[in-house]
């Protein structure tokens, strides 16, 4: 597919295109991993921290807040003691995650092939 045909208006290339900020959030390292982690169903904060090795609490909070504001992630806070909060994908979150999964699979497979080729 031609890029020119996919983006006939070329607005995504414009510095003030609103999709740029959203693309930056979705395709950031932590953004991709948060979405992929939630693909199998809701997780609590601690579950996300365990699942996504290396993410700091600050980056996880920032990413979740951003995705909640964009309508990609739903934060379900139940009024109980101790607090019970779960995060899950919205319909839009599932839609973008379905598109990201093949990219992540490719990246993981390619990294393994490249690493194996370096050792040979």
Protein backbone atom coordinates (compact mmCIF):
# COMPACT_ATOMS: atom_id res chain seq x y z
CA UNK A 1 0.00 0.00 0.00
CA UNK A 2 1.26 3.43 -0.92
CA UNK A 3 1.68 5.87 1.96
CA UNK A 4 0.33 8.61 -0.30
CA UNK A 5 -2.84 6.58 -0.88
CA UNK A 6 -3.21 5.67 2.80
CA UNK A 7 -2.93 9.32 3.86
CA UNK A 8 -4.23 11.35 0.89
CA UNK A 9 -4.56 14.51 2.96
CA UNK A 10 -1.09 14.03 4.46
CA UNK A 11 -2.26 15.50 7.76
CA UNK A 12 -0.46 12.92 9.87
CA UNK A 13 2.77 14.47 8.58
CA UNK A 14 1.71 17.92 9.77
CA UNK A 15 3.28 19.06 13.06
CA UNK A 16 -0.12 20.11 14.42
CA UNK A 17 -2.02 16.92 13.55
CA UNK A 18 -3.81 15.69 16.72
CA UNK A 19 -3.07 12.08 15.83
CA UNK A 20 0.65 12.63 16.46
CA UNK A 21 0.27 12.88 20.24
CA UNK A 22 -1.97 9.82 20.31
CA UNK A 23 0.44 7.86 18.11
CA UNK A 24 3.27 8.83 20.44
CA UNK A 25 1.41 7.52 23.48
CA UNK A 26 0.24 4.30 21.84
CA UNK A 27 3.59 3.44 20.28
CA UNK A 28 5.76 4.30 23.26
CA UNK A 29 7.49 1.32 24.85
CA UNK A 30 5.28 1.42 27.93
CA UNK A 31 2.16 2.26 25.95
CA UNK A 32 2.46 -0.82 23.76
CA UNK A 33 3.22 -3.07 26.74
CA UNK A 34 0.32 -1.75 28.84
CA UNK A 35 -2.13 -2.34 26.00
CA UNK A 36 -0.76 -5.81 25.28
CA UNK A 37 -0.80 -6.70 29.00
CA UNK A 38 -4.49 -5.80 29.20
CA UNK A 39 -5.40 -7.76 26.05
CA UNK A 40 -6.21 -10.93 28.00
CA UNK A 41 -8.51 -9.16 30.45
CA UNK A 42 -8.61 -6.74 33.37
CA UNK A 43 -5.64 -6.40 35.70
CA UNK A 44 -5.07 -4.61 38.96
CA UNK A 45 -2.19 -2.17 39.44
CA UNK A 46 0.06 -4.76 41.06
CA UNK A 47 -0.72 -7.24 38.30
CA UNK A 48 0.34 -4.73 35.66
CA UNK A 49 3.56 -3.96 37.55
CA UNK A 50 4.40 -7.67 37.72
CA UNK A 51 3.47 -8.34 34.11
CA UNK A 52 5.45 -5.44 32.64
CA UNK A 53 8.99 -5.95 33.84
CA UNK A 54 10.99 -2.76 34.28
CA UNK A 55 8.13 -0.24 34.24
CA UNK A 56 8.31 2.27 37.08
CA UNK A 57 5.25 3.15 39.12
CA UNK A 58 5.49 6.71 37.76
CA UNK A 59 5.50 5.59 34.10
CA UNK A 60 2.71 3.07 34.67
CA UNK A 61 0.54 5.73 36.33
CA UNK A 62 1.28 8.25 33.58
CA UNK A 63 0.50 5.75 30.82
CA UNK A 64 -2.73 4.56 32.43
CA UNK A 65 -3.93 8.15 33.03
CA UNK A 66 -3.19 9.05 29.43
CA UNK A 67 -4.97 6.00 28.05
CA UNK A 68 -7.94 6.59 30.33
CA UNK A 69 -8.19 10.20 29.09
CA UNK A 70 -7.98 8.98 25.46
CA UNK A 71 -10.72 6.41 26.04
CA UNK A 72 -8.47 3.39 25.49
CA UNK A 73 -8.43 2.09 29.07
CA UNK A 74 -11.20 1.91 31.65
CA UNK A 75 -10.35 2.40 35.33
CA UNK A 76 -12.85 0.59 37.55
CA UNK A 77 -12.46 1.74 41.16
CA UNK A 78 -14.70 -0.12 43.59
CA UNK A 79 -15.62 1.65 46.85
CA UNK A 80 -14.29 -0.98 49.22
CA UNK A 81 -11.58 -1.09 51.87
CA UNK A 82 -8.86 -1.72 50.89
CA UNK A 83 -9.41 -0.01 47.52
CA UNK A 84 -9.92 -2.35 44.55
CA UNK A 85 -9.05 -0.86 41.16
CA UNK A 86 -8.97 -2.76 37.90
CA UNK A 87 -7.88 -1.60 34.49
CA UNK A 88 -9.32 -2.97 31.25
CA UNK A 89 -9.41 -2.10 27.58
CA UNK A 90 -12.33 -0.20 26.11
CA UNK A 91 -13.62 -1.09 22.65
CA UNK A 92 -11.18 1.45 21.15
CA UNK A 93 -8.39 0.00 23.29
CA UNK A 94 -9.15 -3.49 22.00
CA UNK A 95 -9.23 -2.19 18.43
CA UNK A 96 -5.78 -0.62 18.64
CA UNK A 97 -4.37 -3.58 20.59
CA UNK A 98 -5.57 -5.98 17.91
CA UNK A 99 -3.50 -3.94 15.45
CA UNK A 100 -0.45 -3.84 17.74
CA UNK A 101 -0.26 -7.56 18.51
CA UNK A 102 1.07 -8.57 15.06
CA UNK A 103 3.73 -5.85 15.29
CA UNK A 104 4.84 -7.02 18.75
CA UNK A 105 4.90 -10.66 17.60
CA UNK A 106 7.03 -9.65 14.60
CA UNK A 107 9.41 -7.61 16.81
CA UNK A 108 9.88 -10.50 19.23
CA UNK A 109 10.47 -13.02 16.44
CA UNK A 110 12.83 -10.69 14.57
CA UNK A 111 14.83 -9.94 17.73
CA UNK A 112 15.30 -13.68 18.32
CA UNK A 113 16.38 -14.25 14.68
CA UNK A 114 18.77 -11.29 14.77
CA UNK A 115 20.27 -12.41 18.09
CA UNK A 116 20.69 -15.98 16.78
CA UNK A 117 22.33 -14.70 13.59
CA UNK A 118 24.80 -12.62 15.65
CA UNK A 119 25.93 -15.73 17.57
CA UNK A 120 26.41 -17.81 14.42
